Amino acid sequence: MSWIGLKNHKKSKKKKKVEEAQGGVGWCSATRYFHSSVALLVLQHRGDAALGATGSASTISANINSIPILNGSNFKHWKENIMIVLGCMDLDLALRTEQPPALTTESSTEAKRDIEKWNRSNRMSLMIMKRSIPETFRGSISEEQNADKFLKDIEQRFAKNEKSETSTLLDNLISMRYKGKGNIREYIMEMSNLTSKLKALKLELSEDLLVHLVLISLPAQYGQFKVSYNTQKDKWTLNELISHCVQEEERLKKDRTEGAHLSTNPRDKKRKRKLQLGHHNKNCKRNRIRNLPVTFARRVDT
């Protein structure tokens, strides 16, 4: 090989090495870029998970804080909030089902999972319920470790007497009177709600009786409406009564609006003033005639 050929061979070999080195650098850069992208994705996933955990914790805290503190008069409202919160948090299993049988050496994996889930629901339900009970009441409540039995024990101590509650609800229903203010639909629904509470206390009132109670509670301006119902043969359901009452209420409001418009019309005011003046003049003339002196002539016999 000549000197020139050897020189060219060295150059080509050196160029090849440079190209390989550059290719290696490019591959390393791509690898580093790939790993950094994966790392960013992992960090982003962890951040989203942390944010989700934070949001979940704040939601749980808000749900638990929404439960009112139990006192001597709000047991029913307290129990409703307890059941709603535990249901939304999927922790009411211990209140809906019986405790699973104890585990044995022959228990299946599914049975172990079921009892673990039930135990967690029972433990969390007790913690949440006890948190909303004042310390002054905790001493009088048994240290029951079953959430369902614990709730029933509280119910026995704080639930109202059914007889007195029935009397109160029935008295409220009978004494209700619609004063023409507000919405008549809401008023009738409130009466219907009282009948539902009485039904829960094993005192059921028929729908016909409720319709009559509603009609009795309406004010005097609904007199024509009541007569119209009493003179027809067909009976109304509660929904039909609500519909007719709403129509009658709208008609009465329209009549009142038209009456107010007529009373504020200047022509009507002048006409009314003239009538009042004419009536006043007639009375004055009549009084003058009455007040004229009366003389009596004495008869003289001749």
Protein backbone atom coordinates (compact mmCIF):
# COMPACT_ATOMS: atom_id res chain seq x y z
CA MET A 1 0.00 0.00 0.00
CA SER A 2 1.35 3.38 -0.92
CA TRP A 3 1.77 6.23 1.53
CA ILE A 4 -1.24 8.10 0.12
CA GLY A 5 -3.44 5.00 0.33
CA LEU A 6 -2.36 4.42 3.94
CA LYS A 7 -3.20 8.01 4.79
CA ASN A 8 -6.69 7.74 3.25
CA HIS A 9 -7.31 4.47 5.07
CA LYS A 10 -6.45 6.11 8.39
CA LYS A 11 -8.79 9.02 7.65
CA SER A 12 -11.68 6.72 6.80
CA LYS A 13 -11.06 4.67 9.91
CA LYS A 14 -10.96 7.80 12.05
CA LYS A 15 -14.19 9.08 10.45
CA LYS A 16 -15.88 5.77 11.14
CA LYS A 17 -14.89 5.98 14.81
CA VAL A 18 -16.25 9.54 15.02
CA GLU A 19 -19.55 8.46 13.47
CA GLU A 20 -19.82 5.53 15.88
CA ALA A 21 -19.05 7.85 18.78
CA GLN A 22 -21.70 10.32 17.63
CA GLY A 23 -24.22 7.53 17.20
CA GLY A 24 -23.45 6.29 20.69
CA VAL A 25 -23.93 9.77 22.11
CA GLY A 26 -27.30 10.08 20.31
CA TRP A 27 -28.44 6.72 21.66
CA CYS A 28 -27.42 7.68 25.19
CA SER A 29 -29.29 10.98 24.89
CA ALA A 30 -32.45 9.21 23.69
CA THR A 31 -32.16 6.74 26.57
CA ARG A 32 -31.71 9.53 29.11
CA TYR A 33 -34.70 11.39 27.59
CA PHE A 34 -36.84 8.24 27.81
CA HIS A 35 -35.93 7.61 31.46
CA SER A 36 -36.54 11.24 32.38
CA SER A 37 -39.98 11.13 30.70
CA VAL A 38 -40.89 7.98 32.62
CA ALA A 39 -39.71 9.61 35.83
CA LEU A 40 -41.89 12.65 35.14
CA LEU A 41 -44.89 10.43 34.49
CA VAL A 42 -44.27 8.55 37.74
CA LEU A 43 -43.97 11.78 39.67
CA GLN A 44 -47.11 13.13 38.05
CA HIS A 45 -48.97 9.92 38.91
CA ARG A 46 -47.79 10.15 42.49
CA GLY A 47 -48.83 13.79 42.63
CA ASP A 48 -52.31 12.95 41.29
CA ALA A 49 -52.59 10.15 43.80
CA ALA A 50 -51.56 12.49 46.61
CA LEU A 51 -54.07 15.09 45.46
CA GLY A 52 -56.73 12.38 45.24
CA ALA A 53 -55.88 11.20 48.75
CA THR A 54 -56.03 14.79 50.02
CA GLY A 55 -59.38 15.36 48.30
CA SER A 56 -60.70 12.08 49.66
CA ALA A 57 -59.58 12.98 53.18
CA SER A 58 -61.23 16.40 52.97
CA THR A 59 -64.46 14.79 51.70
CA ILE A 60 -64.47 12.28 54.56
CA SER A 61 -63.86 15.06 57.06
CA ALA A 62 -66.70 17.13 55.59
CA ASN A 63 -69.08 14.17 55.72
CA ILE A 64 -68.27 13.39 59.34
CA ASN A 65 -68.54 17.05 60.37
CA SER A 66 -72.01 17.24 58.83
CA ILE A 67 -73.35 14.88 61.52
CA PRO A 68 -75.03 16.90 64.30
CA ILE A 69 -74.11 16.36 67.94
CA LEU A 70 -76.63 14.10 69.65
CA ASN A 71 -78.79 15.75 72.31
CA GLY A 72 -82.03 14.93 74.05
CA SER A 73 -84.34 16.01 71.22
CA ASN A 74 -82.65 15.37 67.86
CA PHE A 75 -82.14 11.59 67.87
CA LYS A 76 -84.19 11.01 64.71
CA HIS A 77 -82.32 13.69 62.78
CA TRP A 78 -78.99 12.41 64.16
CA LYS A 79 -79.74 8.83 63.11
CA GLU A 80 -80.74 9.90 59.59
CA ASN A 81 -77.43 11.76 59.17
CA ILE A 82 -75.47 8.80 60.54
CA MET A 83 -77.08 6.39 58.07
CA ILE A 84 -76.55 8.77 55.12
CA VAL A 85 -72.88 9.42 55.91
CA LEU A 86 -72.04 5.75 56.54
CA GLY A 87 -73.89 4.76 53.36
CA CYS A 88 -72.05 7.34 51.23
CA MET A 89 -68.72 6.19 52.67
CA ASP A 90 -69.66 2.52 52.08
CA LEU A 91 -69.25 1.78 55.79
CA ASP A 92 -72.80 0.68 56.65
CA LEU A 93 -72.22 -3.04 56.07
CA ALA A 94 -72.17 -3.76 59.82
CA LEU A 95 -75.56 -2.01 60.19
CA ARG A 96 -77.16 -3.90 57.29
CA THR A 97 -75.88 -7.45 57.77
CA GLU A 98 -75.19 -9.81 60.62
CA GLN A 99 -71.66 -10.52 61.78
CA PRO A 100 -70.10 -13.32 59.71
CA PRO A 101 -69.14 -16.56 61.53
CA ALA A 102 -65.71 -16.76 63.10
CA LEU A 103 -62.83 -17.92 60.95
CA THR A 104 -61.59 -21.48 61.09
CA THR A 105 -58.69 -23.32 59.56
CA GLU A 106 -60.99 -24.38 56.76
CA SER A 107 -62.27 -20.89 55.97
CA SER A 108 -61.91 -19.78 52.38
CA THR A 109 -60.17 -16.67 51.15
CA GLU A 110 -63.52 -15.14 50.30
CA ALA A 111 -64.78 -15.71 53.86
CA LYS A 112 -61.65 -14.06 55.26
CA ARG A 113 -62.17 -11.08 52.97
CA ASP A 114 -65.83 -10.78 54.00
CA ILE A 115 -65.12 -10.79 57.72
CA GLU A 116 -62.28 -8.27 57.30
CA LYS A 117 -64.66 -5.95 55.43
CA TRP A 118 -67.37 -6.39 58.06
CA ASN A 119 -64.93 -5.76 60.94
CA ARG A 120 -63.69 -2.58 59.28
CA SER A 121 -67.26 -1.35 58.76
CA ASN A 122 -68.13 -2.16 62.38
CA ARG A 123 -65.04 -0.44 63.77
CA MET A 124 -65.43 2.71 61.66
CA SER A 125 -69.19 2.95 62.36
CA LEU A 126 -68.58 2.85 66.11
CA MET A 127 -65.88 5.51 65.87
CA ILE A 128 -68.05 7.86 63.80
CA MET A 129 -71.11 7.40 66.04
CA LYS A 130 -69.17 7.91 69.27
CA ARG A 131 -67.53 11.02 67.86
CA SER A 132 -70.94 12.75 67.60
CA ILE A 133 -72.08 11.74 71.12
CA PRO A 134 -71.18 14.11 74.00
CA GLU A 135 -69.09 12.74 76.85
CA THR A 136 -71.98 13.34 79.27
CA PHE A 137 -74.04 10.75 77.37
CA ARG A 138 -71.28 8.20 76.77
CA GLY A 139 -71.21 7.10 80.38
CA SER A 140 -74.87 6.07 80.30
CA ILE A 141 -74.47 4.04 77.09
CA SER A 142 -73.20 0.48 77.22
CA GLU A 143 -69.77 -0.25 75.79
CA GLU A 144 -71.22 -2.41 73.04
CA GLN A 145 -68.70 -3.49 70.37
CA ASN A 146 -71.36 -4.26 67.77
CA ALA A 147 -72.33 -1.12 65.81
CA ASP A 148 -75.90 -2.26 65.14
CA LYS A 149 -76.58 -3.15 68.79
CA PHE A 150 -74.89 0.08 69.90
CA LEU A 151 -77.23 2.12 67.70
CA LYS A 152 -80.29 0.23 68.99
CA ASP A 153 -79.19 0.86 72.57
CA ILE A 154 -79.00 4.60 71.86
CA GLU A 155 -82.41 4.47 70.20
CA GLN A 156 -83.99 2.96 73.30
CA ARG A 157 -82.59 5.75 75.46
CA PHE A 158 -83.32 8.74 73.23
CA ALA A 159 -86.32 7.77 71.10
CA LYS A 160 -89.55 9.62 71.92
CA ASN A 161 -92.66 8.00 73.30
CA GLU A 162 -94.76 6.94 70.29
CA LYS A 163 -98.06 7.82 71.99
CA SER A 164 -97.05 11.37 72.84
CA GLU A 165 -95.51 11.87 69.40
CA THR A 166 -98.70 10.60 67.74
CA SER A 167 -100.83 12.98 69.80
CA THR A 168 -98.59 15.91 68.93
CA LEU A 169 -98.61 15.18 65.20
CA LEU A 170 -102.37 14.64 65.13
CA ASP A 171 -102.99 17.88 67.02
CA ASN A 172 -100.74 19.76 64.60
CA LEU A 173 -102.57 18.28 61.62
CA ILE A 174 -106.04 19.15 62.87
CA SER A 175 -105.11 22.67 63.97
CA MET A 176 -103.39 23.66 60.72
CA ARG A 177 -104.97 26.64 58.94
CA TYR A 178 -104.03 28.17 55.61
CA LYS A 179 -103.83 31.96 55.92
CA GLY A 180 -103.55 32.75 52.23
CA LYS A 181 -99.84 33.49 52.41
CA GLY A 182 -97.15 31.45 50.75
CA ASN A 183 -97.74 28.55 48.40
CA ILE A 184 -100.87 26.43 48.83
CA ARG A 185 -99.15 23.46 47.17
CA GLU A 186 -96.44 23.46 49.84
CA TYR A 187 -99.09 23.83 52.53
CA ILE A 188 -100.99 20.73 51.35
CA MET A 189 -97.73 18.77 50.99
CA GLU A 190 -96.87 19.69 54.57
CA MET A 191 -100.20 18.25 55.73
CA SER A 192 -99.52 15.13 53.66
CA ASN A 193 -96.10 14.83 55.30
CA LEU A 194 -97.74 14.83 58.75
CA THR A 195 -100.04 11.98 57.67
CA SER A 196 -96.98 10.03 56.48
CA LYS A 197 -95.36 10.46 59.90
CA LEU A 198 -98.57 9.28 61.56
CA LYS A 199 -98.60 6.26 59.27
CA ALA A 200 -95.07 5.41 60.39
CA LEU A 201 -96.42 5.49 63.96
CA LYS A 202 -99.16 2.99 62.96
CA LEU A 203 -101.94 5.57 62.68
CA GLU A 204 -103.06 5.62 59.06
CA LEU A 205 -105.45 8.29 57.80
CA SER A 206 -107.34 7.75 54.55
CA GLU A 207 -106.83 10.04 51.59
CA ASP A 208 -110.50 11.11 51.66
CA LEU A 209 -110.10 12.25 55.26
CA LEU A 210 -106.98 14.22 54.37
CA VAL A 211 -108.84 15.93 51.49
CA HIS A 212 -111.60 17.00 53.91
CA LEU A 213 -109.07 18.24 56.46
CA VAL A 214 -107.40 20.36 53.79
CA LEU A 215 -110.73 21.85 52.69
CA ILE A 216 -111.70 22.63 56.29
CA SER A 217 -108.40 24.44 56.85
CA LEU A 218 -108.87 26.80 53.87
CA PRO A 219 -109.89 30.43 54.60
CA ALA A 220 -113.25 32.11 53.84
CA GLN A 221 -112.26 33.29 50.35
CA TYR A 222 -112.26 29.64 49.29
CA GLY A 223 -115.94 29.31 50.27
CA GLN A 224 -117.21 29.03 46.71
CA PHE A 225 -114.50 26.46 46.00
CA LYS A 226 -115.64 24.32 48.94
CA VAL A 227 -119.30 24.51 47.86
CA SER A 228 -118.32 23.43 44.37
CA TYR A 229 -116.58 20.34 45.75
CA ASN A 230 -119.43 19.41 48.12
CA THR A 231 -122.08 19.64 45.39
CA GLN A 232 -120.40 17.23 42.99
CA LYS A 233 -120.57 13.46 43.23
CA ASP A 234 -116.99 12.63 42.33
CA LYS A 235 -114.30 12.59 44.99
CA TRP A 236 -110.88 14.12 44.44
CA THR A 237 -107.59 12.45 45.08
CA LEU A 238 -104.90 14.41 46.88
CA ASN A 239 -103.13 15.23 43.60
CA GLU A 240 -106.40 16.45 42.06
CA LEU A 241 -107.07 18.57 45.13
CA ILE A 242 -103.63 20.17 44.85
CA SER A 243 -104.20 20.94 41.17
CA HIS A 244 -107.64 22.53 41.78
CA CYS A 245 -106.40 24.50 44.79
CA VAL A 246 -103.51 25.93 42.79
CA GLN A 247 -105.92 27.03 40.06
CA GLU A 248 -108.24 28.61 42.63
CA GLU A 249 -105.34 30.40 44.28
CA GLU A 250 -104.25 31.86 40.94
CA ARG A 251 -107.83 33.01 40.24
CA LEU A 252 -108.07 34.74 43.63
CA LYS A 253 -104.75 36.47 43.11
CA LYS A 254 -105.93 37.69 39.70
CA ASP A 255 -109.16 39.04 41.20
CA ARG A 256 -107.26 40.86 43.92
CA THR A 257 -104.92 42.40 41.35
CA GLU A 258 -107.83 43.63 39.22
CA GLY A 259 -109.59 45.02 42.31
CA ALA A 260 -106.48 46.90 43.32
CA HIS A 261 -106.17 48.32 39.80
CA LEU A 262 -109.75 49.56 39.81
CA SER A 263 -109.37 51.19 43.21
CA THR A 264 -106.33 53.15 42.01
CA ASN A 265 -108.01 54.38 38.77
CA PRO A 266 -108.63 58.23 38.94
CA ARG A 267 -112.00 57.98 37.19
CA ASP A 268 -113.22 55.47 39.74
CA LYS A 269 -112.00 57.74 42.51
CA LYS A 270 -113.97 60.70 41.10
CA ARG A 271 -117.09 58.57 40.69
CA LYS A 272 -116.74 57.33 44.25
CA ARG A 273 -116.27 60.90 45.50
CA LYS A 274 -119.40 62.08 43.69
CA LEU A 275 -121.43 59.28 45.15
CA GLN A 276 -120.17 60.13 48.62
CA LEU A 277 -120.99 63.84 48.14
CA GLY A 278 -124.45 63.06 46.79
CA HIS A 279 -125.17 60.82 49.71
CA HIS A 280 -123.91 63.52 52.08
CA ASN A 281 -126.14 66.22 50.48
CA LYS A 282 -129.19 64.00 50.73
CA ASN A 283 -128.52 63.42 54.40
CA CYS A 284 -128.05 67.15 55.02
CA LYS A 285 -131.34 67.99 53.25
CA ARG A 286 -133.17 65.34 55.18
CA ASN A 287 -131.74 66.64 58.44
CA ARG A 288 -132.80 70.22 57.62
CA ILE A 289 -136.35 69.10 56.98
CA ARG A 290 -136.39 67.24 60.25
CA ASN A 291 -135.08 70.24 62.17
CA LEU A 292 -137.73 72.73 60.88
CA PRO A 293 -139.82 74.21 63.73
CA VAL A 294 -143.28 72.75 63.97
CA THR A 295 -146.18 74.96 65.16
CA PHE A 296 -149.49 73.68 66.30
CA ALA A 297 -152.69 75.82 65.79
CA ARG A 298 -155.23 75.76 68.56
CA ARG A 299 -158.81 75.25 67.54
CA VAL A 300 -161.26 77.92 68.77
CA ASP A 301 -164.92 77.04 69.01
CA THR A 302 -167.31 79.80 67.96
